[in-house]
Amino acid sequence: MSKRFTVGAVATAAVLALTVTGMAVPASAEPTAVRTFTVVAEDGVSGDAAVAAIRSAGGTVVSRTDEVGVYQVTSDRTDFAAKATAAGALIGAAEQRAIGRKPKLDRVEQEHLLAAAAAKGAARKSGKKPAKMDPLDDKLWGLEMIRADKARKVEPGDRRVTVGVLDTGVDASHPDIAPNFNWALSRNFAPDIPEIDGECEVASCLDPAGTDDGGHGTHVAGTVGAAANGYGLSGVAPGVSLVNLKGGQDSGYFFLNPVVNALLHAGRSGLDVVNMSFYVDPWLYNCTANPADSPEAQAAQRATIRAMKRALTFAHDRGVTLVGALGNNYEDLGDPRTDTSSPNYGDVAPYPREIDNDSCWDLPTEGPHVISVSSVGPSGKKADYSNYGTEQTAVAAPGGWFRDGFGTDTFRTDANMILSTYPKKVLQEEGAVDEDGNIVAGAETFVFKECKKNGECGYFTYLQGTSMAAPHASGVAALIVSRHGKPQGRGGYGLAPDSVERHLLRTATAHACPEPRLQSYVNEGRPVEFNAYCDGPVNFNGFYGHGIIDAYAAVTTRP
């Protein structure tokens, strides 16, 4: 997921600071520099009532999303946030401001680059190459595991079916993305913030919709629906349309307001599926009233919970199937450990928080209507990093596992991970590709360059994580809509998200817990806290949920 379920770039950070009643503020605050806030209204409050309360507190509404009670506001009053939170119509006001502290680097997705043992890059080939597959598809063990290679002979995906990639962006110039990219529906909801993203590429700081300066979203998009065009590699659903919903910063952060706006756009635009491989910063778990948190932090989390639940429900009720990465924190989400990573940005360093499962949520994966996906390696074993648990795991999917294959020559090899599309610019920034577009020495095992006869080239790289598992499931969901959907409205086409979810779960291949059920990862070099207990029967358990997704069964079995 996100930089947590994705690569966590080292960057300076920004903080959302919510204020609550009782904060010490001047009785008559003097005007100060104009600041920007995200204000969340209480349940049942009309848009006009919320706007009136905001104005009374000294704010100016820049944009309003009455459907979910979220408002972008500017104010030059030092006491605006306190007054807004004190207003009965409002939950609180979240301010975004630049902070100089750097977040902790998440190393899950690019573990192969940081491993002590050198990756050998052994390829996993399935012997005979299936018909109509692309040149690099023999490296995509995930397609074979979920039988997507067979499914495309029956249903490659319908162009009318749209999959939103809510992520860091999507590089529409990539030759394997361009044929399926939907320019009309793609939007950028996350302007660059120089303090965390670096210098803006354009004057407005709002990058064009078909760009990705983070790389994560392009990788996700390729797994969902890279074109089957005789070039590069192909996705699970190579015939569907890809929509860029940029809700994440270039640095990998995912803030509340861009994510909410992206979900609203998905619902309003009639997207069929939205993939969410991230969590909303800065809290790994958003809790209603964690005693370790300050009143300000508690208010911030309550606002996030309320806004995210509203936005997810809004999208679902308008026909969007929501798919989320379960997370890379190797814990049972039904019995979470003490959170020591939050807040992951701001002027307050992370501190220990006991997590109460009944009042804390990992969002969006634990939000309403989200199909949560755990990650397995080529062996089918739960990846060591993957979250799990009977409370949230819906299905499992290939997410890659660098350390899979212990005792064989595939152990700690790049080919155990997920290969997908990636922007050339990001690979150059990471030092894997030089200024001339050539792969540098030492990177040949995990970066691939494919060029067409006309000289147009694209790049591909390996990553691992539940961020890579979720798009496999999103691709299968898109195939289900393609195969079993029906015309809707004027030229519309789709399938109710509850129907998509039921069919995805029903056609998954049941997978029993390991024996013994306490899965140890000591042989793979992990400490004992990675060990995981698998609870539940073969047809539903904490590691695999209803099973490993099966694209072929999904398109050949009637709902």
Protein backbone atom coordinates (compact mmCIF):
# COMPACT_ATOMS: atom_id res chain seq x y z
CA MET A 1 0.00 0.00 0.00
CA SER A 2 1.10 3.59 -0.30
CA LYS A 3 4.61 4.29 0.70
CA ARG A 4 3.85 1.95 3.55
CA PHE A 5 2.35 -0.53 1.19
CA THR A 6 4.73 1.02 -1.26
CA VAL A 7 8.21 2.49 -1.12
CA GLY A 8 8.48 5.17 1.56
CA ALA A 9 10.63 7.92 0.10
CA VAL A 10 12.85 9.81 2.52
CA ALA A 11 11.49 13.34 2.46
CA THR A 12 10.66 16.24 4.67
CA ALA A 13 7.10 16.03 5.93
CA ALA A 14 3.83 17.87 6.35
CA VAL A 15 1.40 17.63 9.24
CA LEU A 16 -2.35 17.79 9.68
CA ALA A 17 -2.96 19.44 13.04
CA LEU A 18 -6.53 19.41 14.32
CA THR A 19 -7.52 21.67 17.19
CA VAL A 20 -10.25 21.04 19.73
CA THR A 21 -12.29 22.94 22.26
CA GLY A 22 -10.23 23.98 25.23
CA MET A 23 -7.03 24.96 23.42
CA ALA A 24 -5.45 28.08 24.79
CA VAL A 25 -5.95 30.81 22.17
CA PRO A 26 -6.08 34.58 22.51
CA ALA A 27 -9.52 35.93 23.33
CA SER A 28 -9.26 38.18 20.30
CA ALA A 29 -6.79 36.68 17.87
CA GLU A 30 -4.95 38.94 15.47
CA PRO A 31 -4.88 38.15 11.74
CA THR A 32 -1.88 36.17 10.56
CA ALA A 33 -0.71 34.64 7.26
CA VAL A 34 -3.37 32.90 5.22
CA ARG A 35 -3.47 29.17 5.96
CA THR A 36 -5.35 26.25 4.40
CA PHE A 37 -7.55 23.82 6.30
CA THR A 38 -9.70 20.78 5.63
CA VAL A 39 -12.90 21.08 7.66
CA VAL A 40 -15.18 18.10 8.35
CA ALA A 41 -18.83 18.66 9.28
CA GLU A 42 -20.75 16.67 11.87
CA ASP A 43 -23.20 13.99 10.71
CA GLY A 44 -26.53 15.32 9.48
CA VAL A 45 -25.35 18.90 9.08
CA SER A 46 -26.41 20.51 5.80
CA GLY A 47 -23.85 22.04 3.50
CA ASP A 48 -25.20 25.53 4.02
CA ALA A 49 -25.11 25.12 7.81
CA ALA A 50 -21.52 23.89 7.64
CA VAL A 51 -20.47 26.81 5.43
CA ALA A 52 -22.19 29.26 7.78
CA ALA A 53 -20.30 27.80 10.75
CA ILE A 54 -17.01 28.03 8.84
CA ARG A 55 -17.63 31.67 7.97
CA SER A 56 -18.62 32.45 11.55
CA ALA A 57 -15.28 31.01 12.69
CA GLY A 58 -13.44 33.30 10.29
CA GLY A 59 -12.87 31.01 7.32
CA THR A 60 -13.41 31.32 3.58
CA VAL A 61 -14.69 28.23 1.77
CA VAL A 62 -12.56 27.50 -1.29
CA SER A 63 -14.30 24.28 -2.30
CA ARG A 64 -17.12 22.22 -0.84
CA THR A 65 -18.10 18.58 -1.12
CA ASP A 66 -21.46 18.58 0.59
CA GLU A 67 -22.02 14.90 -0.17
CA VAL A 68 -19.47 13.90 2.48
CA GLY A 69 -19.28 17.10 4.50
CA VAL A 70 -15.66 17.98 3.67
CA TYR A 71 -14.61 21.57 2.93
CA GLN A 72 -11.37 23.25 1.83
CA VAL A 73 -11.01 26.50 3.73
CA THR A 74 -8.56 29.38 3.99
CA SER A 75 -8.26 31.72 6.94
CA ASP A 76 -5.92 34.40 8.23
CA ARG A 77 -7.15 34.02 11.82
CA THR A 78 -4.85 32.41 14.40
CA ASP A 79 -7.91 31.13 16.27
CA PHE A 80 -9.81 29.74 13.26
CA ALA A 81 -9.19 26.05 13.98
CA ALA A 82 -10.22 26.37 17.62
CA LYS A 83 -13.40 28.24 16.71
CA ALA A 84 -14.26 25.76 13.95
CA THR A 85 -13.87 22.78 16.26
CA ALA A 86 -15.91 24.50 18.96
CA ALA A 87 -18.78 24.97 16.51
CA GLY A 88 -21.47 22.35 17.01
CA ALA A 89 -21.88 21.86 13.25
CA LEU A 90 -18.22 20.93 12.70
CA ILE A 91 -15.95 18.08 13.85
CA GLY A 92 -12.70 19.98 13.39
CA ALA A 93 -10.32 21.83 11.09
CA ALA A 94 -7.20 20.15 9.82
CA GLU A 95 -4.33 22.43 8.84
CA GLN A 96 -1.64 21.40 6.41
CA ARG A 97 1.72 22.98 7.14
CA ALA A 98 5.32 22.27 6.25
CA ILE A 99 7.48 20.51 8.84
CA GLY A 100 11.16 19.65 8.53
CA ARG A 101 11.26 16.21 10.16
CA LYS A 102 11.81 13.25 7.84
CA PRO A 103 9.68 10.11 8.05
CA LYS A 104 10.97 6.62 8.64
CA LEU A 105 11.94 4.86 5.41
CA ASP A 106 9.75 1.88 4.57
CA ARG A 107 11.88 -0.82 2.98
CA VAL A 108 9.34 -3.50 2.13
CA GLU A 109 8.74 -2.96 -1.56
CA GLN A 110 12.38 -2.57 -2.56
CA GLU A 111 13.82 -5.09 -0.12
CA HIS A 112 15.81 -6.65 -2.94
CA LEU A 113 17.81 -3.44 -3.36
CA LEU A 114 18.69 -3.33 0.32
CA ALA A 115 19.28 -7.02 0.98
CA ALA A 116 22.69 -8.15 2.19
CA ALA A 117 22.64 -11.11 -0.19
CA ALA A 118 22.92 -10.23 -3.87
CA ALA A 119 19.85 -10.92 -5.94
CA LYS A 120 20.54 -13.29 -8.80
CA GLY A 121 17.46 -12.42 -10.80
CA ALA A 122 16.58 -15.99 -11.69
CA ALA A 123 13.62 -16.01 -14.03
CA ARG A 124 10.59 -18.17 -13.40
CA LYS A 125 9.44 -19.51 -16.74
CA SER A 126 6.43 -21.66 -17.19
CA GLY A 127 7.97 -23.69 -19.99
CA LYS A 128 5.71 -23.19 -22.97
CA LYS A 129 4.71 -19.59 -23.49
CA PRO A 130 0.92 -19.18 -23.75
CA ALA A 131 -0.48 -17.80 -26.98
CA LYS A 132 -0.95 -14.06 -27.34
CA MET A 133 1.23 -13.23 -24.34
CA ASP A 134 3.77 -10.41 -24.34
CA PRO A 135 7.59 -10.86 -24.29
CA LEU A 136 8.05 -10.28 -20.54
CA ASP A 137 4.98 -12.24 -19.48
CA ASP A 138 7.08 -15.33 -18.82
CA LYS A 139 8.37 -13.46 -15.77
CA LEU A 140 4.86 -12.84 -14.44
CA TRP A 141 4.30 -15.90 -12.26
CA GLY A 142 1.33 -14.07 -10.75
CA LEU A 143 -0.62 -14.22 -14.01
CA GLU A 144 -0.18 -17.97 -14.11
CA MET A 145 -1.02 -18.43 -10.41
CA ILE A 146 -4.41 -16.75 -10.81
CA ARG A 147 -4.95 -18.21 -14.31
CA ALA A 148 -5.19 -14.77 -15.90
CA ASP A 149 -3.28 -16.17 -18.89
CA LYS A 150 -6.21 -18.54 -19.52
CA ALA A 151 -8.89 -16.03 -18.57
CA ARG A 152 -7.93 -13.59 -21.32
CA LYS A 153 -8.76 -16.19 -23.97
CA VAL A 154 -12.33 -16.00 -22.68
CA GLU A 155 -12.46 -12.38 -21.51
CA PRO A 156 -9.53 -9.95 -21.90
CA GLY A 157 -11.52 -7.06 -20.50
CA ASP A 158 -14.04 -4.64 -21.96
CA ARG A 159 -12.89 -1.15 -22.94
CA ARG A 160 -16.04 0.27 -21.36
CA VAL A 161 -14.92 -0.99 -17.94
CA THR A 162 -12.91 1.63 -16.07
CA VAL A 163 -10.41 0.95 -13.28
CA GLY A 164 -9.30 3.91 -11.19
CA VAL A 165 -5.76 3.78 -9.83
CA LEU A 166 -5.90 5.93 -6.70
CA ASP A 167 -2.19 6.36 -6.22
CA THR A 168 0.85 8.58 -6.95
CA GLY A 169 -0.19 8.98 -10.58
CA VAL A 170 0.01 6.92 -13.77
CA ASP A 171 2.59 7.47 -16.52
CA ALA A 172 0.37 7.61 -19.59
CA SER A 173 3.41 7.88 -21.88
CA HIS A 174 4.52 4.35 -21.07
CA PRO A 175 4.00 2.22 -24.20
CA ASP A 176 2.20 -0.49 -22.22
CA ILE A 177 -0.11 1.99 -20.45
CA ALA A 178 -0.86 4.41 -23.29
CA PRO A 179 -3.20 2.11 -25.28
CA ASN A 180 -5.54 1.71 -22.30
CA PHE A 181 -5.26 5.12 -20.65
CA ASN A 182 -8.48 7.10 -20.25
CA TRP A 183 -7.62 10.79 -20.52
CA ALA A 184 -11.19 12.01 -20.21
CA LEU A 185 -11.74 10.67 -16.70
CA SER A 186 -8.23 11.00 -15.25
CA ARG A 187 -7.58 13.71 -12.68
CA ASN A 188 -4.88 14.94 -10.29
CA PHE A 189 -6.19 15.75 -6.80
CA ALA A 190 -2.81 16.10 -5.06
CA PRO A 191 -0.82 19.21 -5.98
CA ASP A 192 2.91 18.97 -5.28
CA ILE A 193 4.02 20.25 -1.90
CA PRO A 194 7.61 21.46 -2.34
CA GLU A 195 8.54 20.76 1.29
CA ILE A 196 7.90 17.03 0.81
CA ASP A 197 7.80 16.48 -2.95
CA GLY A 198 10.63 18.71 -4.09
CA GLU A 199 10.45 21.51 -6.62
CA CYS A 200 7.21 21.69 -8.59
CA GLU A 201 7.49 20.53 -12.20
CA VAL A 202 4.86 23.02 -13.38
CA ALA A 203 4.00 26.54 -12.26
CA SER A 204 0.69 25.54 -10.71
CA CYS A 205 2.29 22.58 -8.84
CA LEU A 206 -0.62 20.49 -10.19
CA ASP A 207 1.02 17.95 -12.50
CA PRO A 208 -0.83 16.86 -15.65
CA ALA A 209 -3.09 13.85 -15.16
CA GLY A 210 -0.98 11.37 -17.14
CA THR A 211 2.20 11.73 -15.10
CA ASP A 212 3.71 9.85 -12.16
CA ASP A 213 6.74 11.24 -10.34
CA GLY A 214 6.53 8.59 -7.64
CA GLY A 215 6.41 5.40 -9.73
CA HIS A 216 4.13 3.41 -7.47
CA GLY A 217 0.91 4.15 -9.33
CA THR A 218 2.37 3.21 -12.70
CA HIS A 219 3.51 -0.15 -11.30
CA VAL A 220 0.02 -0.78 -9.92
CA ALA A 221 -1.64 0.26 -13.18
CA GLY A 222 0.50 -2.13 -15.24
CA THR A 223 -0.53 -5.09 -13.10
CA VAL A 224 -4.18 -4.18 -13.48
CA GLY A 225 -4.28 -3.55 -17.20
CA ALA A 226 -1.07 -3.18 -19.18
CA ALA A 227 -1.98 -3.73 -22.82
CA ALA A 228 -1.58 -7.13 -24.47
CA ASN A 229 0.05 -5.65 -27.56
CA GLY A 230 3.00 -7.91 -28.35
CA TYR A 231 5.28 -5.59 -26.42
CA GLY A 232 6.61 -5.52 -22.86
CA LEU A 233 4.19 -7.26 -20.53
CA SER A 234 0.45 -7.49 -20.03
CA GLY A 235 -1.87 -6.96 -17.09
CA VAL A 236 -4.53 -9.14 -15.53
CA ALA A 237 -7.24 -7.34 -17.55
CA PRO A 238 -5.39 -6.06 -20.64
CA GLY A 239 -8.51 -4.79 -22.39
CA VAL A 240 -9.97 -2.46 -19.76
CA SER A 241 -9.50 1.29 -19.43
CA LEU A 242 -7.13 2.75 -16.83
CA VAL A 243 -8.02 5.97 -15.02
CA ASN A 244 -5.44 8.01 -13.12
CA LEU A 245 -6.79 9.22 -9.77
CA LYS A 246 -3.76 10.98 -8.34
CA GLY A 247 -4.45 11.16 -4.62
CA GLY A 248 -0.90 10.58 -3.39
CA GLN A 249 2.05 12.94 -3.25
CA ASP A 250 5.21 12.27 -5.29
CA SER A 251 6.91 11.50 -1.98
CA GLY A 252 4.41 8.74 -1.22
CA TYR A 253 2.21 10.48 1.33
CA PHE A 254 -1.57 10.16 1.04
CA PHE A 255 -3.44 13.03 2.67
CA LEU A 256 -7.11 13.03 3.58
CA ASN A 257 -8.47 15.69 1.25
CA PRO A 258 -6.97 14.42 -2.05
CA VAL A 259 -8.06 10.86 -1.25
CA VAL A 260 -11.62 11.93 -0.42
CA ASN A 261 -11.86 14.01 -3.60
CA ALA A 262 -10.54 11.13 -5.71
CA LEU A 263 -13.18 8.78 -4.30
CA LEU A 264 -15.92 11.33 -4.94
CA HIS A 265 -14.77 11.73 -8.54
CA ALA A 266 -14.79 7.95 -8.96
CA GLY A 267 -18.40 7.80 -7.80
CA ARG A 268 -19.57 10.76 -9.83
CA SER A 269 -17.81 9.53 -12.99
CA GLY A 270 -19.19 6.01 -12.77
CA LEU A 271 -15.88 4.16 -12.47
CA ASP A 272 -16.26 0.41 -12.09
CA VAL A 273 -13.29 -0.43 -9.86
CA VAL A 274 -10.87 1.62 -7.74
CA ASN A 275 -7.58 0.20 -6.48
CA MET A 276 -6.22 1.64 -3.21
CA SER A 277 -2.71 0.53 -2.27
CA PHE A 278 -1.98 2.93 0.59
CA TYR A 279 -3.08 4.16 4.00
CA VAL A 280 -4.09 7.70 4.89
CA ASP A 281 -1.31 9.58 6.66
CA PRO A 282 -0.12 10.28 9.27
CA TRP A 283 -1.68 7.53 11.43
CA LEU A 284 -1.23 3.82 10.75
CA TYR A 285 -4.39 3.39 12.81
CA ASN A 286 -6.95 6.15 13.23
CA CYS A 287 -8.50 5.89 16.69
CA THR A 288 -11.50 7.74 18.08
CA ALA A 289 -9.98 8.48 21.49
CA ASN A 290 -6.66 6.73 22.09
CA PRO A 291 -5.46 7.72 25.58
CA ALA A 292 -1.87 8.02 24.33
CA ASP A 293 -2.90 10.77 21.88
CA SER A 294 -3.32 14.45 22.61
CA PRO A 295 -6.80 15.95 22.27
CA GLU A 296 -5.65 17.52 19.00
CA ALA A 297 -4.48 14.16 17.63
CA GLN A 298 -7.71 12.46 18.71
CA ALA A 299 -9.77 15.07 16.87
CA ALA A 300 -7.63 14.66 13.74
CA GLN A 301 -8.24 10.93 13.70
CA ARG A 302 -11.98 11.21 14.32
CA ALA A 303 -12.23 13.57 11.35
CA THR A 304 -10.28 11.14 9.15
CA ILE A 305 -12.46 8.20 10.17
CA ARG A 306 -15.66 10.09 9.46
CA ALA A 307 -14.55 11.54 6.14
CA MET A 308 -13.12 8.27 4.81
CA LYS A 309 -16.17 6.21 5.73
CA ARG A 310 -18.41 8.75 4.01
CA ALA A 311 -16.26 8.86 0.88
CA LEU A 312 -15.96 5.08 0.56
CA THR A 313 -19.70 4.67 1.02
CA PHE A 314 -20.38 7.41 -1.53
CA ALA A 315 -18.26 5.63 -4.16
CA HIS A 316 -19.72 2.21 -3.40
CA ASP A 317 -23.30 3.44 -3.56
CA ARG A 318 -22.59 4.81 -7.03
CA GLY A 319 -21.34 1.52 -8.42
CA VAL A 320 -17.62 1.49 -7.58
CA THR A 321 -16.02 -1.79 -6.48
CA LEU A 322 -13.36 -0.85 -3.92
CA VAL A 323 -10.18 -2.93 -3.55
CA GLY A 324 -7.55 -2.25 -0.90
CA ALA A 325 -4.09 -3.52 0.03
CA LEU A 326 -4.13 -5.14 3.47
CA GLY A 327 -0.80 -3.63 4.55
CA ASN A 328 2.82 -4.61 5.06
CA ASN A 329 3.08 -4.50 8.85
CA TYR A 330 3.04 -8.34 9.32
CA GLU A 331 0.29 -8.24 11.92
CA ASP A 332 -3.17 -9.63 12.57
CA LEU A 333 -5.49 -6.69 11.95
CA GLY A 334 -7.99 -8.23 14.36
CA ASP A 335 -5.40 -8.15 17.13
CA PRO A 336 -3.01 -5.33 16.24
CA ARG A 337 0.30 -4.75 17.97
CA THR A 338 1.35 -1.54 19.66
CA ASP A 339 1.73 1.13 16.99
CA THR A 340 5.19 2.66 17.16
CA SER A 341 5.23 4.32 13.72
CA SER A 342 2.63 7.06 14.14
CA PRO A 343 2.43 9.91 13.48
CA ASN A 344 4.75 9.38 10.53
CA TYR A 345 5.21 13.08 9.81
CA GLY A 346 4.95 16.35 11.65
CA ASP A 347 6.60 18.02 14.59
CA VAL A 348 5.71 15.16 16.95
CA ALA A 349 7.93 12.08 16.71
CA PRO A 350 6.27 8.63 16.58
CA TYR A 351 5.38 7.26 20.00
CA PRO A 352 3.95 3.95 21.31
CA ARG A 353 0.16 3.60 21.15
CA GLU A 354 -1.77 0.57 22.34
CA ILE A 355 -4.35 -0.10 19.62
CA ASP A 356 -7.92 -0.92 20.63
CA ASN A 357 -9.38 -2.96 17.80
CA ASP A 358 -12.93 -1.76 18.49
CA SER A 359 -12.14 1.95 18.13
CA CYS A 360 -9.20 2.08 15.71
CA TRP A 361 -9.15 1.63 11.93
CA ASP A 362 -6.45 1.13 9.31
CA LEU A 363 -7.91 3.16 6.45
CA PRO A 364 -8.94 2.61 3.75
CA THR A 365 -8.47 -1.18 4.00
CA GLU A 366 -10.66 -1.44 7.13
CA GLY A 367 -13.23 0.98 5.78
CA PRO A 368 -16.73 0.04 4.60
CA HIS A 369 -17.15 -1.89 1.34
CA VAL A 370 -13.41 -2.41 0.78
CA ILE A 371 -12.21 -5.82 -0.47
CA SER A 372 -8.96 -6.28 1.48
CA VAL A 373 -6.19 -8.32 -0.15
CA SER A 374 -3.30 -10.17 1.50
CA SER A 375 -0.09 -11.10 -0.30
CA VAL A 376 1.47 -14.44 -1.27
CA GLY A 377 4.73 -15.37 -2.93
CA PRO A 378 5.30 -17.76 -5.87
CA SER A 379 5.04 -20.76 -3.52
CA GLY A 380 1.57 -19.69 -2.39
CA LYS A 381 2.89 -19.06 1.11
CA LYS A 382 1.81 -15.86 2.88
CA ALA A 383 4.54 -13.27 2.36
CA ASP A 384 6.32 -12.53 5.62
CA TYR A 385 5.46 -8.80 5.50
CA SER A 386 1.75 -9.21 4.70
CA ASN A 387 -0.92 -8.31 7.22
CA TYR A 388 -3.54 -10.99 7.81
CA GLY A 389 -6.48 -11.97 10.03
CA THR A 390 -10.00 -13.32 9.77
CA GLU A 391 -11.45 -9.91 10.54
CA GLN A 392 -10.24 -8.19 7.36
CA THR A 393 -8.68 -10.60 4.84
CA ALA A 394 -11.14 -11.10 1.98
CA VAL A 395 -8.86 -12.79 -0.56
CA ALA A 396 -5.19 -13.38 -1.25
CA ALA A 397 -3.27 -12.54 -4.42
CA PRO A 398 0.28 -12.55 -5.80
CA GLY A 399 2.18 -9.67 -4.18
CA GLY A 400 5.69 -11.00 -4.44
CA TRP A 401 8.07 -12.24 -1.77
CA PHE A 402 11.79 -11.77 -2.24
CA ARG A 403 12.59 -14.36 0.44
CA ASP A 404 10.36 -17.11 -0.96
CA GLY A 405 11.89 -20.44 -1.94
CA PHE A 406 14.07 -21.06 1.10
CA GLY A 407 16.35 -24.02 0.44
CA THR A 408 16.23 -23.57 -3.35
CA ASP A 409 18.18 -21.46 -5.84
CA THR A 410 15.24 -19.07 -6.10
CA PHE A 411 15.63 -17.88 -2.49
CA ARG A 412 16.20 -14.12 -2.26
CA THR A 413 15.89 -13.51 -6.00
CA ASP A 414 14.23 -10.64 -7.84
CA ALA A 415 12.04 -13.01 -9.84
CA ASN A 416 10.08 -13.82 -6.67
CA MET A 417 8.59 -10.35 -6.83
CA ILE A 418 6.14 -8.64 -9.18
CA LEU A 419 7.37 -7.14 -12.45
CA SER A 420 5.40 -4.23 -13.86
CA THR A 421 5.55 -0.93 -15.69
CA TYR A 422 7.57 1.96 -14.24
CA PRO A 423 8.41 5.53 -15.30
CA LYS A 424 11.82 6.11 -16.85
CA LYS A 425 12.18 9.38 -14.94
CA VAL A 426 11.81 7.70 -11.56
CA LEU A 427 14.29 4.95 -12.45
CA GLN A 428 16.77 7.66 -13.42
CA GLU A 429 16.21 9.44 -10.11
CA GLU A 430 16.73 6.15 -8.29
CA GLY A 431 20.00 5.61 -10.16
CA ALA A 432 18.97 2.46 -12.02
CA VAL A 433 18.89 4.13 -15.47
CA ASP A 434 21.40 6.70 -16.74
CA GLU A 435 20.77 9.99 -18.55
CA ASP A 436 20.88 8.24 -21.92
CA GLY A 437 18.19 5.77 -20.90
CA ASN A 438 20.51 2.81 -20.42
CA ILE A 439 20.20 0.41 -17.49
CA VAL A 440 23.22 0.88 -15.22
CA ALA A 441 25.53 -1.98 -14.29
CA GLY A 442 24.12 -4.01 -11.44
CA ALA A 443 20.50 -3.13 -12.16
CA GLU A 444 20.00 -5.59 -15.01
CA THR A 445 18.42 -8.19 -12.70
CA PHE A 446 15.55 -5.96 -11.61
CA VAL A 447 15.07 -3.40 -14.41
CA PHE A 448 14.08 -4.22 -18.00
CA LYS A 449 13.97 -1.99 -21.06
CA GLU A 450 11.83 -2.82 -24.07
CA CYS A 451 11.86 -0.78 -27.28
CA LYS A 452 9.59 -0.78 -30.30
CA LYS A 453 10.76 -0.62 -33.89
CA ASN A 454 10.02 3.10 -33.94
CA GLY A 455 12.49 3.63 -31.08
CA GLU A 456 9.84 4.17 -28.40
CA CYS A 457 11.00 2.51 -25.16
CA GLY A 458 9.40 1.57 -21.88
CA TYR A 459 10.81 0.38 -18.57
CA PHE A 460 9.78 -2.29 -16.08
CA THR A 461 10.92 -3.15 -12.57
CA TYR A 462 10.26 -5.53 -9.69
CA LEU A 463 8.47 -4.53 -6.48
CA GLN A 464 6.77 -6.51 -3.71
CA GLY A 465 4.02 -5.75 -1.22
CA THR A 466 0.31 -5.93 -0.64
CA SER A 467 0.35 -2.92 -2.98
CA MET A 468 1.18 -5.42 -5.72
CA ALA A 469 -1.41 -7.98 -4.55
CA ALA A 470 -4.35 -5.57 -4.61
CA PRO A 471 -4.09 -4.70 -8.34
CA HIS A 472 -4.22 -8.40 -9.21
CA ALA A 473 -7.58 -8.50 -7.44
CA SER A 474 -8.67 -5.23 -9.06
CA GLY A 475 -7.86 -6.73 -12.44
CA VAL A 476 -9.99 -9.77 -11.74
CA ALA A 477 -12.80 -7.52 -10.49
CA ALA A 478 -12.60 -5.64 -13.80
CA LEU A 479 -12.80 -8.94 -15.70
CA ILE A 480 -15.92 -9.85 -13.71
CA VAL A 481 -17.56 -6.57 -14.68
CA SER A 482 -16.46 -7.07 -18.29
CA ARG A 483 -17.83 -10.60 -18.49
CA HIS A 484 -20.97 -10.34 -16.39
CA GLY A 485 -21.87 -6.64 -16.50
CA LYS A 486 -24.94 -5.21 -18.12
CA PRO A 487 -25.82 -2.00 -19.99
CA GLN A 488 -26.75 0.80 -17.61
CA GLY A 489 -28.25 4.18 -18.48
CA ARG A 490 -27.20 6.03 -21.60
CA GLY A 491 -24.33 4.04 -23.00
CA GLY A 492 -23.26 2.92 -19.56
CA TYR A 493 -22.06 -0.51 -18.59
CA GLY A 494 -21.36 -2.08 -15.22
CA LEU A 495 -22.16 -4.46 -12.39
CA ALA A 496 -23.19 -3.71 -8.81
CA PRO A 497 -20.12 -3.76 -6.52
CA ASP A 498 -21.74 -6.17 -4.07
CA SER A 499 -22.27 -8.61 -6.94
CA VAL A 500 -18.66 -8.18 -8.06
CA GLU A 501 -17.40 -8.85 -4.54
CA ARG A 502 -19.54 -11.95 -4.06
CA HIS A 503 -18.36 -13.43 -7.36
CA LEU A 504 -14.71 -12.59 -6.67
CA LEU A 505 -14.87 -14.32 -3.29
CA ARG A 506 -16.94 -17.26 -4.53
CA THR A 507 -14.56 -18.07 -7.39
CA ALA A 508 -11.36 -17.74 -5.37
CA THR A 509 -9.44 -21.00 -4.85
CA ALA A 510 -9.71 -22.07 -1.24
CA HIS A 511 -6.33 -22.46 0.45
CA ALA A 512 -5.85 -24.17 3.80
CA CYS A 513 -3.77 -22.80 6.63
CA PRO A 514 -0.25 -24.22 6.89
CA GLU A 515 0.51 -26.98 9.37
CA PRO A 516 1.58 -26.17 11.95
CA ARG A 517 -0.68 -23.15 11.93
CA LEU A 518 1.94 -20.96 13.55
CA GLN A 519 3.90 -20.00 10.44
CA SER A 520 7.55 -19.32 11.22
CA TYR A 521 9.75 -17.09 9.06
CA VAL A 522 12.95 -17.71 11.01
CA ASN A 523 14.49 -19.67 8.13
CA GLU A 524 13.94 -16.66 5.91
CA GLY A 525 15.95 -14.53 8.33
CA ARG A 526 13.08 -12.80 10.10
CA PRO A 527 12.80 -12.23 13.86
CA VAL A 528 10.08 -14.05 15.81
CA GLU A 529 7.66 -11.10 15.66
CA PHE A 530 7.11 -11.97 11.99
CA ASN A 531 5.69 -15.37 12.96
CA ALA A 532 1.97 -15.52 12.24
CA TYR A 533 -0.85 -17.78 13.39
CA CYS A 534 -3.38 -18.78 10.74
CA ASP A 535 -6.89 -19.16 12.13
CA GLY A 536 -9.91 -20.61 10.35
CA PRO A 537 -10.95 -23.50 8.07
CA VAL A 538 -9.92 -24.12 4.48
CA ASN A 539 -12.84 -22.15 3.01
CA PHE A 540 -12.06 -19.02 5.04
CA ASN A 541 -9.02 -18.24 7.13
CA GLY A 542 -6.81 -15.40 8.26
CA PHE A 543 -4.03 -15.87 5.67
CA TYR A 544 -6.07 -16.37 2.50
CA GLY A 545 -9.56 -15.18 3.33
CA HIS A 546 -11.88 -16.93 0.87
CA GLY A 547 -8.87 -18.08 -1.14
CA ILE A 548 -6.40 -17.01 -3.80
CA ILE A 549 -8.18 -15.13 -6.57
CA ASP A 550 -8.86 -17.05 -9.79
CA ALA A 551 -9.38 -15.01 -12.95
CA TYR A 552 -10.32 -17.98 -15.12
CA ALA A 553 -12.99 -19.20 -12.70
CA ALA A 554 -14.28 -15.65 -12.42
CA VAL A 555 -14.95 -15.33 -16.16
CA THR A 556 -16.15 -18.90 -16.79
CA THR A 557 -18.51 -19.25 -13.83
CA ARG A 558 -21.89 -17.56 -13.81
CA PRO A 559 -22.61 -15.17 -10.91
